[in-house]
Amino acid sequence: MEELIKQISDKLGIPKTTARKVVLVTASFLKSKMPQSVAAEVDMILELKDITEEETKFVGLFKIP
C-alpha cells in the first residue's frame, strides 16, 4: 500500500495522509462490488494491515483485516 500511496501523492501533489485516504476509500469501494471471497484478496494485495480505528470510521465500509 505504501508504494501506491507514494505514487498517488507524488503524481497528484497531495499529502501522503490524503493519498492514504484515497487508497482506503478506493479499496472499500472495490471490495463492496466484489464477492466476499475475492474482496479479501484486495486486503492482501494492498497489504491493508495497519488500518487505524479512525481510518475505519472514515471509510466506514470495510472491516479491519
PDB file of N, CA and C in Angstrom:
ATOM      1  N   MET A   1       0.829  -1.177   0.000  1.00  0.00           N
ATOM      2  CA  MET A   1       0.000   0.000   0.000  1.00  0.00           C
ATOM      3  C   MET A   1       0.878   1.247   0.000  1.00  0.00           C
ATOM      4  N   GLU A   2       2.011   1.169   0.667  1.00  0.00           N
ATOM      5  CA  GLU A   2       2.877   2.349   0.755  1.00  0.00           C
ATOM      6  C   GLU A   2       3.354   2.809  -0.618  1.00  0.00           C
ATOM      7  N   GLU A   3       3.648   1.871  -1.503  1.00  0.00           N
ATOM      8  CA  GLU A   3       4.089   2.242  -2.847  1.00  0.00           C
ATOM      9  C   GLU A   3       2.984   2.983  -3.595  1.00  0.00           C
ATOM     10  N   LEU A   4       1.771   2.495  -3.470  1.00  0.00           N
ATOM     11  CA  LEU A   4       0.632   3.141  -4.127  1.00  0.00           C
ATOM     12  C   LEU A   4       0.382   4.522  -3.538  1.00  0.00           C
ATOM     13  N   ILE A   5       0.462   4.635  -2.238  1.00  0.00           N
ATOM     14  CA  ILE A   5       0.285   5.936  -1.575  1.00  0.00           C
ATOM     15  C   ILE A   5       1.327   6.924  -2.076  1.00  0.00           C
ATOM     16  N   LYS A   6       2.577   6.485  -2.173  1.00  0.00           N
ATOM     17  CA  LYS A   6       3.647   7.358  -2.651  1.00  0.00           C
ATOM     18  C   LYS A   6       3.385   7.806  -4.081  1.00  0.00           C
ATOM     19  N   GLN A   7       2.963   6.878  -4.931  1.00  0.00           N
ATOM     20  CA  GLN A   7       2.699   7.239  -6.328  1.00  0.00           C
ATOM     21  C   GLN A   7       1.564   8.252  -6.431  1.00  0.00           C
ATOM     22  N   ILE A   8       0.493   8.029  -5.703  1.00  0.00           N
ATOM     23  CA  ILE A   8      -0.639   8.956  -5.732  1.00  0.00           C
ATOM     24  C   ILE A   8      -0.207  10.320  -5.208  1.00  0.00           C
ATOM     25  N   SER A   9       0.511  10.323  -4.103  1.00  0.00           N
ATOM     26  CA  SER A   9       0.977  11.568  -3.510  1.00  0.00           C
ATOM     27  C   SER A   9       1.875  12.339  -4.478  1.00  0.00           C
ATOM     28  N   ASP A  10       2.820  11.627  -5.070  1.00  0.00           N
ATOM     29  CA  ASP A  10       3.766  12.274  -5.987  1.00  0.00           C
ATOM     30  C   ASP A  10       3.078  12.787  -7.254  1.00  0.00           C
ATOM     31  N   LYS A  11       2.234  11.959  -7.847  1.00  0.00           N
ATOM     32  CA  LYS A  11       1.614  12.316  -9.123  1.00  0.00           C
ATOM     33  C   LYS A  11       0.550  13.400  -8.981  1.00  0.00           C
ATOM     34  N   LEU A  12      -0.149  13.405  -7.850  1.00  0.00           N
ATOM     35  CA  LEU A  12      -1.204  14.393  -7.665  1.00  0.00           C
ATOM     36  C   LEU A  12      -0.748  15.592  -6.836  1.00  0.00           C
ATOM     37  N   GLY A  13       0.425  15.476  -6.248  1.00  0.00           N
ATOM     38  CA  GLY A  13       0.928  16.578  -5.438  1.00  0.00           C
ATOM     39  C   GLY A  13       0.112  16.795  -4.171  1.00  0.00           C
ATOM     40  N   ILE A  14      -0.334  15.696  -3.576  1.00  0.00           N
ATOM     41  CA  ILE A  14      -1.126  15.781  -2.347  1.00  0.00           C
ATOM     42  C   ILE A  14      -0.351  15.131  -1.206  1.00  0.00           C
ATOM     43  N   PRO A  15      -0.689  15.494   0.038  1.00  0.00           N
ATOM     44  CA  PRO A  15      -0.001  14.882   1.178  1.00  0.00           C
ATOM     45  C   PRO A  15      -0.239  13.370   1.219  1.00  0.00           C
ATOM     46  N   LYS A  16       0.721  12.644   1.783  1.00  0.00           N
ATOM     47  CA  LYS A  16       0.597  11.188   1.876  1.00  0.00           C
ATOM     48  C   LYS A  16      -0.609  10.781   2.715  1.00  0.00           C
ATOM     49  N   THR A  17      -0.959  11.580   3.709  1.00  0.00           N
ATOM     50  CA  THR A  17      -2.126  11.240   4.528  1.00  0.00           C
ATOM     51  C   THR A  17      -3.401  11.276   3.691  1.00  0.00           C
ATOM     52  N   THR A  18      -3.492  12.225   2.797  1.00  0.00           N
ATOM     53  CA  THR A  18      -4.644  12.313   1.903  1.00  0.00           C
ATOM     54  C   THR A  18      -4.621  11.175   0.892  1.00  0.00           C
ATOM     55  N   ALA A  19      -3.451  10.885   0.358  1.00  0.00           N
ATOM     56  CA  ALA A  19      -3.327   9.778  -0.601  1.00  0.00           C
ATOM     57  C   ALA A  19      -3.708   8.455   0.059  1.00  0.00           C
ATOM     58  N   ARG A  20      -3.356   8.291   1.321  1.00  0.00           N
ATOM     59  CA  ARG A  20      -3.722   7.065   2.051  1.00  0.00           C
ATOM     60  C   ARG A  20      -5.239   6.934   2.124  1.00  0.00           C
ATOM     61  N   LYS A  21      -5.923   8.039   2.394  1.00  0.00           N
ATOM     62  CA  LYS A  21      -7.387   8.011   2.444  1.00  0.00           C
ATOM     63  C   LYS A  21      -7.965   7.653   1.082  1.00  0.00           C
ATOM     64  N   VAL A  22      -7.350   8.158   0.023  1.00  0.00           N
ATOM     65  CA  VAL A  22      -7.787   7.827  -1.337  1.00  0.00           C
ATOM     66  C   VAL A  22      -7.700   6.318  -1.548  1.00  0.00           C
ATOM     67  N   VAL A  23      -6.594   5.727  -1.140  1.00  0.00           N
ATOM     68  CA  VAL A  23      -6.407   4.279  -1.301  1.00  0.00           C
ATOM     69  C   VAL A  23      -7.451   3.517  -0.486  1.00  0.00           C
ATOM     70  N   LEU A  24      -7.692   3.934   0.739  1.00  0.00           N
ATOM     71  CA  LEU A  24      -8.658   3.239   1.595  1.00  0.00           C
ATOM     72  C   LEU A  24     -10.076   3.338   1.043  1.00  0.00           C
ATOM     73  N   VAL A  25     -10.467   4.506   0.576  1.00  0.00           N
ATOM     74  CA  VAL A  25     -11.801   4.680   0.007  1.00  0.00           C
ATOM     75  C   VAL A  25     -11.948   3.849  -1.262  1.00  0.00           C
ATOM     76  N   THR A  26     -10.921   3.867  -2.099  1.00  0.00           N
ATOM     77  CA  THR A  26     -10.959   3.087  -3.333  1.00  0.00           C
ATOM     78  C   THR A  26     -11.032   1.597  -3.035  1.00  0.00           C
ATOM     79  N   ALA A  27     -10.229   1.135  -2.100  1.00  0.00           N
ATOM     80  CA  ALA A  27     -10.254  -0.282  -1.723  1.00  0.00           C
ATOM     81  C   ALA A  27     -11.630  -0.669  -1.198  1.00  0.00           C
ATOM     82  N   SER A  28     -12.200   0.188  -0.379  1.00  0.00           N
ATOM     83  CA  SER A  28     -13.529  -0.086   0.173  1.00  0.00           C
ATOM     84  C   SER A  28     -14.568  -0.180  -0.931  1.00  0.00           C
ATOM     85  N   PHE A  29     -14.514   0.729  -1.876  1.00  0.00           N
ATOM     86  CA  PHE A  29     -15.455   0.713  -2.988  1.00  0.00           C
ATOM     87  C   PHE A  29     -15.312  -0.573  -3.796  1.00  0.00           C
ATOM     88  N   LEU A  30     -14.081  -0.911  -4.142  1.00  0.00           N
ATOM     89  CA  LEU A  30     -13.851  -2.132  -4.924  1.00  0.00           C
ATOM     90  C   LEU A  30     -14.354  -3.365  -4.187  1.00  0.00           C
ATOM     91  N   LYS A  31     -14.057  -3.426  -2.897  1.00  0.00           N
ATOM     92  CA  LYS A  31     -14.486  -4.585  -2.102  1.00  0.00           C
ATOM     93  C   LYS A  31     -15.995  -4.697  -2.023  1.00  0.00           C
ATOM     94  N   SER A  32     -16.687  -3.562  -2.026  1.00  0.00           N
ATOM     95  CA  SER A  32     -18.148  -3.598  -1.935  1.00  0.00           C
ATOM     96  C   SER A  32     -18.783  -4.135  -3.215  1.00  0.00           C
ATOM     97  N   LYS A  33     -18.029  -4.127  -4.298  1.00  0.00           N
ATOM     98  CA  LYS A  33     -18.538  -4.588  -5.595  1.00  0.00           C
ATOM     99  C   LYS A  33     -18.134  -6.027  -5.912  1.00  0.00           C
ATOM    100  N   MET A  34     -17.348  -6.649  -5.044  1.00  0.00           N
ATOM    101  CA  MET A  34     -16.830  -7.990  -5.299  1.00  0.00           C
ATOM    102  C   MET A  34     -17.440  -9.004  -4.346  1.00  0.00           C
ATOM    103  N   PRO A  35     -17.442 -10.262  -4.758  1.00  0.00           N
ATOM    104  CA  PRO A  35     -17.825 -11.304  -3.806  1.00  0.00           C
ATOM    105  C   PRO A  35     -16.844 -11.302  -2.630  1.00  0.00           C
ATOM    106  N   GLN A  36     -17.327 -11.668  -1.465  1.00  0.00           N
ATOM    107  CA  GLN A  36     -16.504 -11.606  -0.258  1.00  0.00           C
ATOM    108  C   GLN A  36     -15.200 -12.394  -0.409  1.00  0.00           C
ATOM    109  N   SER A  37     -15.249 -13.532  -1.062  1.00  0.00           N
ATOM    110  CA  SER A  37     -14.045 -14.342  -1.218  1.00  0.00           C
ATOM    111  C   SER A  37     -12.978 -13.618  -2.042  1.00  0.00           C
ATOM    112  N   VAL A  38     -13.403 -12.824  -2.994  1.00  0.00           N
ATOM    113  CA  VAL A  38     -12.462 -12.070  -3.821  1.00  0.00           C
ATOM    114  C   VAL A  38     -12.051 -10.786  -3.103  1.00  0.00           C
ATOM    115  N   ALA A  39     -12.967 -10.186  -2.385  1.00  0.00           N
ATOM    116  CA  ALA A  39     -12.680  -8.928  -1.688  1.00  0.00           C
ATOM    117  C   ALA A  39     -11.538  -9.078  -0.693  1.00  0.00           C
ATOM    118  N   ALA A  40     -11.416 -10.238  -0.083  1.00  0.00           N
ATOM    119  CA  ALA A  40     -10.320 -10.471   0.866  1.00  0.00           C
ATOM    120  C   ALA A  40      -8.967 -10.367   0.177  1.00  0.00           C
ATOM    121  N   GLU A  41      -8.930 -10.643  -1.103  1.00  0.00           N
ATOM    122  CA  GLU A  41      -7.679 -10.540  -1.854  1.00  0.00           C
ATOM    123  C   GLU A  41      -7.208  -9.085  -1.952  1.00  0.00           C
ATOM    124  N   VAL A  42      -8.141  -8.149  -1.955  1.00  0.00           N
ATOM    125  CA  VAL A  42      -7.775  -6.730  -2.009  1.00  0.00           C
ATOM    126  C   VAL A  42      -6.933  -6.376  -0.787  1.00  0.00           C
ATOM    127  N   ASP A  43      -7.350  -6.857   0.383  1.00  0.00           N
ATOM    128  CA  ASP A  43      -6.580  -6.622   1.608  1.00  0.00           C
ATOM    129  C   ASP A  43      -5.162  -7.156   1.471  1.00  0.00           C
ATOM    130  N   MET A  44      -5.049  -8.345   0.930  1.00  0.00           N
ATOM    131  CA  MET A  44      -3.729  -8.968   0.788  1.00  0.00           C
ATOM    132  C   MET A  44      -2.870  -8.226  -0.224  1.00  0.00           C
ATOM    133  N   ILE A  45      -3.460  -7.872  -1.362  1.00  0.00           N
ATOM    134  CA  ILE A  45      -2.704  -7.182  -2.413  1.00  0.00           C
ATOM    135  C   ILE A  45      -2.209  -5.822  -1.925  1.00  0.00           C
ATOM    136  N   LEU A  46      -3.084  -5.084  -1.268  1.00  0.00           N
ATOM    137  CA  LEU A  46      -2.713  -3.743  -0.793  1.00  0.00           C
ATOM    138  C   LEU A  46      -2.022  -3.765   0.563  1.00  0.00           C
ATOM    139  N   GLU A  47      -1.925  -4.942   1.156  1.00  0.00           N
ATOM    140  CA  GLU A  47      -1.320  -5.089   2.476  1.00  0.00           C
ATOM    141  C   GLU A  47      -2.004  -4.181   3.496  1.00  0.00           C
ATOM    142  N   LEU A  48      -3.319  -4.308   3.571  1.00  0.00           N
ATOM    143  CA  LEU A  48      -4.120  -3.482   4.484  1.00  0.00           C
ATOM    144  C   LEU A  48      -4.103  -4.091   5.883  1.00  0.00           C
ATOM    145  N   LYS A  49      -2.996  -3.895   6.587  1.00  0.00           N
ATOM    146  CA  LYS A  49      -2.840  -4.476   7.908  1.00  0.00           C
ATOM    147  C   LYS A  49      -2.879  -3.429   9.003  1.00  0.00           C
ATOM    148  N   ASP A  50      -2.418  -2.264   8.703  1.00  0.00           N
ATOM    149  CA  ASP A  50      -2.213  -1.250   9.735  1.00  0.00           C
ATOM    150  C   ASP A  50      -3.245  -0.127   9.670  1.00  0.00           C
ATOM    151  N   ILE A  51      -4.490  -0.500   9.455  1.00  0.00           N
ATOM    152  CA  ILE A  51      -5.570   0.483   9.372  1.00  0.00           C
ATOM    153  C   ILE A  51      -5.961   0.900  10.787  1.00  0.00           C
ATOM    154  N   THR A  52      -5.992   2.188  11.025  1.00  0.00           N
ATOM    155  CA  THR A  52      -6.360   2.689  12.348  1.00  0.00           C
ATOM    156  C   THR A  52      -7.879   2.692  12.516  1.00  0.00           C
ATOM    157  N   GLU A  53      -8.300   2.795  13.743  1.00  0.00           N
ATOM    158  CA  GLU A  53      -9.739   2.865  14.024  1.00  0.00           C
ATOM    159  C   GLU A  53     -10.341   4.123  13.393  1.00  0.00           C
ATOM    160  N   GLU A  54      -9.605   5.217  13.440  1.00  0.00           N
ATOM    161  CA  GLU A  54     -10.071   6.472  12.831  1.00  0.00           C
ATOM    162  C   GLU A  54     -10.276   6.302  11.323  1.00  0.00           C
ATOM    163  N   GLU A  55      -9.338   5.615  10.665  1.00  0.00           N
ATOM    164  CA  GLU A  55      -9.458   5.380   9.229  1.00  0.00           C
ATOM    165  C   GLU A  55     -10.642   4.470   8.919  1.00  0.00           C
ATOM    166  N   THR A  56     -10.870   3.492   9.767  1.00  0.00           N
ATOM    167  CA  THR A  56     -12.008   2.597   9.572  1.00  0.00           C
ATOM    168  C   THR A  56     -13.311   3.386   9.669  1.00  0.00           C
ATOM    169  N   LYS A  57     -13.386   4.289  10.627  1.00  0.00           N
ATOM    170  CA  LYS A  57     -14.577   5.130  10.763  1.00  0.00           C
ATOM    171  C   LYS A  57     -14.714   6.061   9.562  1.00  0.00           C
ATOM    172  N   PHE A  58     -13.589   6.596   9.076  1.00  0.00           N
ATOM    173  CA  PHE A  58     -13.607   7.498   7.923  1.00  0.00           C
ATOM    174  C   PHE A  58     -14.184   6.793   6.705  1.00  0.00           C
ATOM    175  N   VAL A  59     -13.680   5.590   6.441  1.00  0.00           N
ATOM    176  CA  VAL A  59     -14.143   4.833   5.286  1.00  0.00           C
ATOM    177  C   VAL A  59     -15.509   4.234   5.573  1.00  0.00           C
ATOM    178  N   GLY A  60     -15.625   3.614   6.739  1.00  0.00           N
ATOM    179  CA  GLY A  60     -16.912   3.132   7.209  1.00  0.00           C
ATOM    180  C   GLY A  60     -17.505   1.945   6.480  1.00  0.00           C
ATOM    181  N   LEU A  61     -16.791   1.342   5.567  1.00  0.00           N
ATOM    182  CA  LEU A  61     -17.403   0.272   4.788  1.00  0.00           C
ATOM    183  C   LEU A  61     -16.727  -1.085   4.901  1.00  0.00           C
ATOM    184  N   PHE A  62     -15.504  -1.143   5.394  1.00  0.00           N
ATOM    185  CA  PHE A  62     -14.855  -2.434   5.437  1.00  0.00           C
ATOM    186  C   PHE A  62     -14.282  -2.718   6.817  1.00  0.00           C
ATOM    187  N   LYS A  63     -14.062  -3.972   7.085  1.00  0.00           N
ATOM    188  CA  LYS A  63     -13.550  -4.398   8.374  1.00  0.00           C
ATOM    189  C   LYS A  63     -12.036  -4.378   8.345  1.00  0.00           C
ATOM    190  N   ILE A  64     -11.467  -4.185   9.511  1.00  0.00           N
ATOM    191  CA  ILE A  64     -10.028  -4.261   9.637  1.00  0.00           C
ATOM    192  C   ILE A  64      -9.608  -5.698   9.441  1.00  0.00           C
ATOM    193  N   PRO A  65      -8.621  -5.943   8.574  1.00  0.00           N
ATOM    194  CA  PRO A  65      -8.195  -7.330   8.334  1.00  0.00           C
ATOM    195  C   PRO A  65      -7.621  -7.964   9.585  1.00  0.00           C
TER     196      PRO A  65
END
